[in-house]
Amino acid sequence: MFPDRKYRQSCRAPVVGRQRGIGLPAAIFVITLMVSISVAIQLLVSQNAEQFQEEIQLTRAFYAAESGAGFAMNALFPPDEFPQYNVTAICPENVGTPRVYEFEADGLAACSAEVSCVTDATVDGVNYYTITSTGICGDVSRTVRVRTSFND
């Protein structure tokens, strides 16, 4: 009625030599695939962070150059509110001499602007200038040029 004990043990015991599973190779493949994907994602994230940082530096350099050009324009055309503004800062008396501004404001800290002014032409007593302002932040730079006329 009940099978003997020897029979039950032989049915349950695995036969090691005849097993041919795919579990271990599949697990190794999946782990390798996941590691490869993780490495690729890490590279993309680090490249994106570097590009983002460079974009920030380029934007800061642009605004440093804009500020330098604004200083030169204020030298040529002093604001009415500040009649004692230093008009000899860049133009017209210091034509061709570059002037360097170091910024300390939060957004432009560690940035500088090198501003120069050259006379393009004088026609009928009207001087035409080109103001070149190069903003430098870290290892990036941006240049802004403004052309204007000034009647002495």
N, C-alpha and C. Protein backbone atom coordinates (compact mmCIF):
# COMPACT_ATOMS: atom_id res chain seq x y z
N MET A 1 0.78 -1.16 0.00
CA MET A 1 0.00 0.00 0.00
C MET A 1 0.85 1.26 0.00
N PHE A 2 1.73 1.41 0.89
CA PHE A 2 2.65 2.54 0.85
C PHE A 2 3.94 2.10 0.19
N PRO A 3 4.41 2.92 -0.67
CA PRO A 3 5.69 2.54 -1.26
C PRO A 3 6.77 2.56 -0.21
N ASP A 4 7.76 1.80 -0.46
CA ASP A 4 8.81 1.75 0.54
C ASP A 4 9.65 3.03 0.50
N ARG A 5 10.39 3.16 1.52
CA ARG A 5 11.17 4.37 1.74
C ARG A 5 12.23 4.56 0.66
N LYS A 6 12.81 3.55 0.22
CA LYS A 6 13.87 3.61 -0.78
C LYS A 6 13.32 4.20 -2.08
N TYR A 7 12.12 3.85 -2.43
CA TYR A 7 11.51 4.34 -3.67
C TYR A 7 11.24 5.85 -3.58
N ARG A 8 10.76 6.31 -2.45
CA ARG A 8 10.46 7.73 -2.30
C ARG A 8 11.72 8.57 -2.37
N GLN A 9 12.80 8.14 -1.82
CA GLN A 9 14.04 8.90 -1.86
C GLN A 9 14.61 8.97 -3.26
N SER A 10 14.48 7.95 -4.03
CA SER A 10 15.05 7.98 -5.37
C SER A 10 14.26 8.88 -6.30
N CYS A 11 12.97 9.09 -6.05
CA CYS A 11 12.15 9.97 -6.89
C CYS A 11 12.45 11.43 -6.61
N ARG A 12 12.74 11.72 -5.39
CA ARG A 12 12.96 13.12 -5.02
C ARG A 12 14.40 13.57 -5.23
N ALA A 13 15.30 12.73 -5.22
CA ALA A 13 16.70 13.12 -5.29
C ALA A 13 17.03 13.63 -6.69
N PRO A 14 17.66 14.84 -6.76
CA PRO A 14 18.02 15.38 -8.08
C PRO A 14 19.17 14.61 -8.69
N VAL A 15 19.13 14.58 -9.97
CA VAL A 15 20.20 13.93 -10.70
C VAL A 15 21.10 15.05 -11.21
N VAL A 16 22.24 15.25 -10.57
CA VAL A 16 23.11 16.39 -10.84
C VAL A 16 23.71 16.32 -12.23
N GLY A 17 24.08 15.24 -12.68
CA GLY A 17 24.77 15.13 -13.96
C GLY A 17 23.88 15.42 -15.16
N ARG A 18 22.56 15.33 -15.02
CA ARG A 18 21.68 15.50 -16.16
C ARG A 18 20.98 16.86 -16.21
N GLN A 19 21.21 17.75 -15.25
CA GLN A 19 20.56 19.06 -15.26
C GLN A 19 21.25 19.98 -16.25
N ARG A 20 20.43 20.70 -16.99
CA ARG A 20 20.98 21.67 -17.96
C ARG A 20 20.17 22.95 -17.87
N GLY A 21 20.32 23.74 -16.79
CA GLY A 21 19.55 24.97 -16.59
C GLY A 21 20.20 26.17 -17.26
N ILE A 22 19.42 27.22 -17.43
CA ILE A 22 19.91 28.45 -18.05
C ILE A 22 19.99 29.58 -17.04
N GLY A 23 19.68 29.32 -15.80
CA GLY A 23 19.62 30.34 -14.76
C GLY A 23 20.91 31.10 -14.55
N LEU A 24 22.01 30.43 -14.36
CA LEU A 24 23.28 31.12 -14.10
C LEU A 24 23.75 31.95 -15.29
N PRO A 25 23.79 31.41 -16.51
CA PRO A 25 24.19 32.27 -17.63
C PRO A 25 23.24 33.45 -17.83
N ALA A 26 21.95 33.26 -17.63
CA ALA A 26 21.00 34.37 -17.78
C ALA A 26 21.23 35.42 -16.72
N ALA A 27 21.50 35.01 -15.49
CA ALA A 27 21.76 35.98 -14.42
C ALA A 27 23.03 36.78 -14.70
N ILE A 28 24.08 36.12 -15.16
CA ILE A 28 25.32 36.82 -15.50
C ILE A 28 25.08 37.81 -16.64
N PHE A 29 24.31 37.41 -17.64
CA PHE A 29 24.00 38.28 -18.76
C PHE A 29 23.22 39.51 -18.29
N VAL A 30 22.21 39.31 -17.46
CA VAL A 30 21.39 40.42 -16.97
C VAL A 30 22.22 41.37 -16.12
N ILE A 31 23.07 40.83 -15.26
CA ILE A 31 23.93 41.68 -14.42
C ILE A 31 24.89 42.48 -15.29
N THR A 32 25.49 41.85 -16.28
CA THR A 32 26.40 42.56 -17.19
C THR A 32 25.66 43.66 -17.94
N LEU A 33 24.47 43.36 -18.41
CA LEU A 33 23.66 44.35 -19.13
C LEU A 33 23.32 45.53 -18.23
N MET A 34 22.94 45.28 -17.00
CA MET A 34 22.59 46.34 -16.07
C MET A 34 23.80 47.21 -15.72
N VAL A 35 24.95 46.60 -15.56
CA VAL A 35 26.17 47.36 -15.28
C VAL A 35 26.51 48.24 -16.48
N SER A 36 26.38 47.72 -17.68
CA SER A 36 26.66 48.51 -18.89
C SER A 36 25.72 49.70 -18.99
N ILE A 37 24.46 49.48 -18.73
CA ILE A 37 23.48 50.58 -18.77
C ILE A 37 23.79 51.61 -17.69
N SER A 38 24.18 51.17 -16.52
CA SER A 38 24.52 52.09 -15.42
C SER A 38 25.72 52.95 -15.78
N VAL A 39 26.73 52.35 -16.38
CA VAL A 39 27.92 53.10 -16.78
C VAL A 39 27.56 54.12 -17.87
N ALA A 40 26.74 53.73 -18.83
CA ALA A 40 26.34 54.65 -19.89
C ALA A 40 25.55 55.83 -19.32
N ILE A 41 24.64 55.56 -18.40
CA ILE A 41 23.87 56.64 -17.78
C ILE A 41 24.78 57.57 -16.99
N GLN A 42 25.73 57.02 -16.28
CA GLN A 42 26.67 57.85 -15.51
C GLN A 42 27.48 58.76 -16.43
N LEU A 43 27.93 58.24 -17.57
CA LEU A 43 28.67 59.07 -18.52
C LEU A 43 27.80 60.19 -19.08
N LEU A 44 26.56 59.89 -19.40
CA LEU A 44 25.65 60.92 -19.91
C LEU A 44 25.39 62.01 -18.88
N VAL A 45 25.19 61.61 -17.64
CA VAL A 45 24.94 62.58 -16.58
C VAL A 45 26.15 63.48 -16.36
N SER A 46 27.34 62.91 -16.35
CA SER A 46 28.54 63.73 -16.13
C SER A 46 28.80 64.67 -17.30
N GLN A 47 28.57 64.21 -18.53
CA GLN A 47 28.73 65.10 -19.69
C GLN A 47 27.71 66.22 -19.65
N ASN A 48 26.49 65.90 -19.27
CA ASN A 48 25.45 66.92 -19.18
C ASN A 48 25.80 67.96 -18.12
N ALA A 49 26.34 67.52 -17.00
CA ALA A 49 26.73 68.45 -15.95
C ALA A 49 27.86 69.37 -16.42
N GLU A 50 28.83 68.84 -17.14
CA GLU A 50 29.92 69.66 -17.66
C GLU A 50 29.41 70.68 -18.67
N GLN A 51 28.51 70.27 -19.55
CA GLN A 51 27.96 71.20 -20.54
C GLN A 51 27.13 72.28 -19.85
N PHE A 52 26.39 71.92 -18.83
CA PHE A 52 25.59 72.89 -18.09
C PHE A 52 26.50 73.91 -17.42
N GLN A 53 27.58 73.46 -16.82
CA GLN A 53 28.52 74.38 -16.17
C GLN A 53 29.16 75.32 -17.19
N GLU A 54 29.51 74.80 -18.37
CA GLU A 54 30.09 75.65 -19.41
C GLU A 54 29.07 76.68 -19.90
N GLU A 55 27.81 76.29 -20.02
CA GLU A 55 26.77 77.24 -20.43
C GLU A 55 26.62 78.36 -19.40
N ILE A 56 26.71 78.01 -18.14
CA ILE A 56 26.63 79.04 -17.09
C ILE A 56 27.80 80.00 -17.22
N GLN A 57 29.01 79.45 -17.42
CA GLN A 57 30.19 80.30 -17.55
C GLN A 57 30.09 81.20 -18.79
N LEU A 58 29.58 80.66 -19.91
CA LEU A 58 29.41 81.46 -21.12
C LEU A 58 28.40 82.59 -20.90
N THR A 59 27.33 82.30 -20.18
CA THR A 59 26.34 83.33 -19.89
C THR A 59 26.94 84.41 -19.00
N ARG A 60 27.67 84.00 -17.99
CA ARG A 60 28.32 84.98 -17.11
C ARG A 60 29.33 85.83 -17.88
N ALA A 61 30.09 85.20 -18.79
CA ALA A 61 31.06 85.95 -19.59
C ALA A 61 30.35 86.95 -20.50
N PHE A 62 29.21 86.56 -21.05
CA PHE A 62 28.45 87.48 -21.90
C PHE A 62 28.00 88.70 -21.11
N TYR A 63 27.48 88.48 -19.91
CA TYR A 63 27.02 89.62 -19.11
C TYR A 63 28.19 90.46 -18.60
N ALA A 64 29.34 89.87 -18.39
CA ALA A 64 30.53 90.66 -18.05
C ALA A 64 30.92 91.55 -19.23
N ALA A 65 30.87 90.99 -20.44
CA ALA A 65 31.18 91.79 -21.63
C ALA A 65 30.15 92.90 -21.82
N GLU A 66 28.88 92.60 -21.59
CA GLU A 66 27.83 93.61 -21.69
C GLU A 66 28.07 94.74 -20.68
N SER A 67 28.47 94.38 -19.48
CA SER A 67 28.73 95.39 -18.45
C SER A 67 29.90 96.28 -18.85
N GLY A 68 30.96 95.67 -19.38
CA GLY A 68 32.10 96.47 -19.84
C GLY A 68 31.71 97.42 -20.95
N ALA A 69 30.90 96.97 -21.89
CA ALA A 69 30.43 97.85 -22.97
C ALA A 69 29.56 98.96 -22.39
N GLY A 70 28.77 98.64 -21.38
CA GLY A 70 27.95 99.66 -20.72
C GLY A 70 28.79 100.72 -20.05
N PHE A 71 29.91 100.32 -19.42
CA PHE A 71 30.82 101.30 -18.82
C PHE A 71 31.37 102.25 -19.88
N ALA A 72 31.75 101.70 -21.02
CA ALA A 72 32.29 102.54 -22.09
C ALA A 72 31.23 103.48 -22.65
N MET A 73 30.00 102.98 -22.80
CA MET A 73 28.93 103.84 -23.30
C MET A 73 28.62 104.95 -22.29
N ASN A 74 28.69 104.64 -20.99
CA ASN A 74 28.49 105.69 -19.99
C ASN A 74 29.61 106.71 -20.02
N ALA A 75 30.81 106.31 -20.42
CA ALA A 75 31.91 107.26 -20.53
C ALA A 75 31.66 108.22 -21.69
N LEU A 76 31.11 107.69 -22.80
CA LEU A 76 30.81 108.55 -23.94
C LEU A 76 29.57 109.40 -23.71
N PHE A 77 28.56 108.80 -23.13
CA PHE A 77 27.28 109.47 -22.91
C PHE A 77 26.91 109.38 -21.43
N PRO A 78 27.50 110.27 -20.60
CA PRO A 78 27.24 110.17 -19.16
C PRO A 78 25.75 110.38 -18.86
N PRO A 79 25.22 109.64 -17.93
CA PRO A 79 23.81 109.80 -17.57
C PRO A 79 23.56 111.18 -16.97
N ASP A 80 22.36 111.71 -17.22
CA ASP A 80 22.02 113.03 -16.69
C ASP A 80 22.04 113.06 -15.16
N GLU A 81 21.75 111.91 -14.55
CA GLU A 81 21.72 111.87 -13.08
C GLU A 81 23.11 111.97 -12.48
N PHE A 82 24.15 111.68 -13.28
CA PHE A 82 25.52 111.70 -12.78
C PHE A 82 26.39 112.58 -13.67
N PRO A 83 26.27 113.89 -13.54
CA PRO A 83 27.05 114.77 -14.44
C PRO A 83 28.55 114.68 -14.20
N GLN A 84 28.99 114.21 -13.04
CA GLN A 84 30.42 114.12 -12.75
C GLN A 84 30.98 112.75 -13.11
N TYR A 85 30.28 111.99 -13.94
CA TYR A 85 30.75 110.65 -14.34
C TYR A 85 32.09 110.77 -15.03
N ASN A 86 32.99 109.83 -14.81
CA ASN A 86 34.33 109.86 -15.37
C ASN A 86 34.26 109.56 -16.88
N VAL A 87 34.23 110.62 -17.68
CA VAL A 87 34.08 110.43 -19.13
C VAL A 87 35.39 110.04 -19.80
N THR A 88 36.49 110.10 -19.09
CA THR A 88 37.78 109.73 -19.69
C THR A 88 38.13 108.27 -19.37
N ALA A 89 37.19 107.51 -18.88
CA ALA A 89 37.48 106.14 -18.47
C ALA A 89 37.98 105.29 -19.63
N ILE A 90 37.32 105.35 -20.76
CA ILE A 90 37.72 104.52 -21.89
C ILE A 90 37.77 105.36 -23.15
N CYS A 91 36.67 105.98 -23.46
CA CYS A 91 36.56 106.81 -24.66
C CYS A 91 36.22 108.22 -24.22
N PRO A 92 36.53 109.23 -24.93
CA PRO A 92 37.31 109.26 -26.16
C PRO A 92 38.80 109.48 -25.95
N GLU A 93 39.21 110.00 -24.77
CA GLU A 93 40.62 110.36 -24.59
C GLU A 93 41.55 109.15 -24.56
N ASN A 94 41.09 108.03 -24.08
CA ASN A 94 41.94 106.85 -23.95
C ASN A 94 41.70 105.85 -25.07
N VAL A 95 41.51 106.35 -26.26
CA VAL A 95 41.22 105.47 -27.40
C VAL A 95 42.39 104.51 -27.60
N GLY A 96 42.07 103.24 -27.79
CA GLY A 96 43.09 102.22 -28.06
C GLY A 96 43.71 101.61 -26.83
N THR A 97 43.46 102.20 -25.65
CA THR A 97 44.03 101.67 -24.42
C THR A 97 43.00 100.77 -23.75
N PRO A 98 43.29 99.49 -23.64
CA PRO A 98 42.29 98.60 -22.99
C PRO A 98 42.20 98.87 -21.50
N ARG A 99 41.03 98.68 -20.99
CA ARG A 99 40.78 98.86 -19.57
C ARG A 99 40.17 97.56 -19.04
N VAL A 100 40.64 97.08 -17.91
CA VAL A 100 40.17 95.83 -17.34
C VAL A 100 39.33 96.14 -16.11
N TYR A 101 38.14 95.56 -16.08
CA TYR A 101 37.25 95.66 -14.94
C TYR A 101 37.14 94.30 -14.28
N GLU A 102 37.36 94.26 -12.97
CA GLU A 102 37.18 93.03 -12.20
C GLU A 102 35.86 93.16 -11.45
N PHE A 103 34.99 92.18 -11.58
CA PHE A 103 33.67 92.24 -10.97
C PHE A 103 33.66 91.52 -9.64
N GLU A 104 32.89 92.07 -8.70
CA GLU A 104 32.76 91.47 -7.38
C GLU A 104 31.31 91.11 -7.05
N ALA A 105 30.38 91.47 -7.90
CA ALA A 105 28.97 91.16 -7.66
C ALA A 105 28.77 89.65 -7.67
N ASP A 106 27.74 89.19 -6.99
CA ASP A 106 27.51 87.75 -6.85
C ASP A 106 27.46 87.03 -8.19
N GLY A 107 26.71 87.54 -9.15
CA GLY A 107 26.56 86.85 -10.43
C GLY A 107 27.82 86.86 -11.28
N LEU A 108 28.65 87.88 -11.12
CA LEU A 108 29.84 88.01 -11.95
C LEU A 108 31.14 87.89 -11.16
N ALA A 109 31.07 87.36 -9.96
CA ALA A 109 32.28 87.20 -9.16
C ALA A 109 33.28 86.33 -9.92
N ALA A 110 34.53 86.71 -9.85
CA ALA A 110 35.64 86.02 -10.53
C ALA A 110 35.57 86.17 -12.04
N CYS A 111 34.80 87.14 -12.52
CA CYS A 111 34.77 87.45 -13.95
C CYS A 111 35.41 88.82 -14.16
N SER A 112 35.84 89.05 -15.39
CA SER A 112 36.41 90.35 -15.72
C SER A 112 36.00 90.74 -17.13
N ALA A 113 36.16 92.02 -17.42
CA ALA A 113 35.87 92.53 -18.75
C ALA A 113 37.04 93.39 -19.20
N GLU A 114 37.53 93.13 -20.39
CA GLU A 114 38.59 93.95 -20.97
C GLU A 114 37.95 94.77 -22.07
N VAL A 115 37.97 96.08 -21.89
CA VAL A 115 37.26 96.98 -22.78
C VAL A 115 38.25 97.89 -23.48
N SER A 116 38.10 98.00 -24.79
CA SER A 116 38.92 98.93 -25.56
C SER A 116 38.02 99.70 -26.52
N CYS A 117 38.52 100.84 -26.93
CA CYS A 117 37.75 101.71 -27.80
C CYS A 117 38.68 102.20 -28.91
N VAL A 118 38.26 102.06 -30.14
CA VAL A 118 39.06 102.54 -31.27
C VAL A 118 38.21 103.49 -32.10
N THR A 119 38.89 104.46 -32.70
CA THR A 119 38.21 105.39 -33.59
C THR A 119 38.16 104.79 -34.97
N ASP A 120 36.95 104.62 -35.48
CA ASP A 120 36.80 104.10 -36.84
C ASP A 120 37.01 105.19 -37.87
N ALA A 121 36.39 106.35 -37.62
CA ALA A 121 36.48 107.45 -38.59
C ALA A 121 35.99 108.73 -37.92
N THR A 122 36.37 109.86 -38.51
CA THR A 122 35.85 111.16 -38.12
C THR A 122 35.33 111.83 -39.37
N VAL A 123 34.05 112.12 -39.37
CA VAL A 123 33.41 112.74 -40.53
C VAL A 123 32.65 113.96 -40.06
N ASP A 124 33.02 115.13 -40.62
CA ASP A 124 32.37 116.40 -40.28
C ASP A 124 32.32 116.65 -38.78
N GLY A 125 33.41 116.37 -38.10
CA GLY A 125 33.50 116.61 -36.67
C GLY A 125 32.83 115.56 -35.80
N VAL A 126 32.30 114.52 -36.41
CA VAL A 126 31.66 113.45 -35.66
C VAL A 126 32.59 112.24 -35.64
N ASN A 127 32.96 111.81 -34.44
CA ASN A 127 33.83 110.65 -34.28
C ASN A 127 33.00 109.38 -34.21
N TYR A 128 33.43 108.36 -34.92
CA TYR A 128 32.77 107.06 -34.90
C TYR A 128 33.70 106.06 -34.21
N TYR A 129 33.19 105.46 -33.16
CA TYR A 129 33.98 104.55 -32.32
C TYR A 129 33.44 103.13 -32.41
N THR A 130 34.35 102.19 -32.19
CA THR A 130 33.96 100.80 -31.97
C THR A 130 34.48 100.41 -30.59
N ILE A 131 33.54 100.07 -29.75
CA ILE A 131 33.87 99.64 -28.39
C ILE A 131 33.85 98.11 -28.40
N THR A 132 34.96 97.52 -27.99
CA THR A 132 35.06 96.06 -27.92
C THR A 132 35.23 95.66 -26.47
N SER A 133 34.32 94.84 -25.99
CA SER A 133 34.36 94.39 -24.60
C SER A 133 34.39 92.86 -24.59
N THR A 134 35.42 92.32 -23.96
CA THR A 134 35.55 90.87 -23.86
C THR A 134 35.37 90.47 -22.40
N GLY A 135 34.32 89.70 -22.16
CA GLY A 135 34.06 89.19 -20.82
C GLY A 135 34.73 87.84 -20.65
N ILE A 136 35.40 87.66 -19.52
CA ILE A 136 36.13 86.41 -19.25
C ILE A 136 35.68 85.87 -17.90
N CYS A 137 35.22 84.61 -17.92
CA CYS A 137 34.84 83.91 -16.69
C CYS A 137 35.47 82.53 -16.76
N GLY A 138 36.41 82.29 -15.89
CA GLY A 138 37.11 81.00 -15.92
C GLY A 138 37.90 80.87 -17.21
N ASP A 139 37.64 79.81 -17.96
CA ASP A 139 38.37 79.59 -19.19
C ASP A 139 37.52 79.87 -20.43
N VAL A 140 36.40 80.57 -20.28
CA VAL A 140 35.57 80.93 -21.43
C VAL A 140 35.50 82.44 -21.55
N SER A 141 35.24 82.90 -22.76
CA SER A 141 35.12 84.34 -22.98
C SER A 141 34.06 84.61 -24.04
N ARG A 142 33.48 85.80 -23.94
CA ARG A 142 32.50 86.27 -24.92
C ARG A 142 32.87 87.70 -25.24
N THR A 143 32.64 88.10 -26.49
CA THR A 143 32.98 89.44 -26.93
C THR A 143 31.72 90.15 -27.42
N VAL A 144 31.61 91.42 -27.02
CA VAL A 144 30.52 92.29 -27.47
C VAL A 144 31.15 93.50 -28.11
N ARG A 145 30.64 93.88 -29.30
CA ARG A 145 31.12 95.09 -29.98
C ARG A 145 29.95 96.06 -30.14
N VAL A 146 30.24 97.32 -29.85
CA VAL A 146 29.24 98.38 -29.99
C VAL A 146 29.86 99.45 -30.87
N ARG A 147 29.13 99.85 -31.89
CA ARG A 147 29.58 100.96 -32.75
C ARG A 147 28.69 102.15 -32.49
N THR A 148 29.33 103.28 -32.29
CA THR A 148 28.57 104.49 -31.94
C THR A 148 29.30 105.72 -32.47
N SER A 149 28.57 106.82 -32.47
CA SER A 149 29.19 108.08 -32.88
C SER A 149 29.15 109.04 -31.68
N PHE A 150 30.11 109.95 -31.67
CA PHE A 150 30.22 110.90 -30.57
C PHE A 150 30.67 112.23 -31.15
N ASN A 151 29.90 113.24 -30.87
CA ASN A 151 30.22 114.56 -31.37
C ASN A 151 30.90 115.34 -30.25
N ASP A 152 32.17 115.69 -30.47
CA ASP A 152 32.92 116.43 -29.42
C ASP A 152 32.27 117.72 -29.17
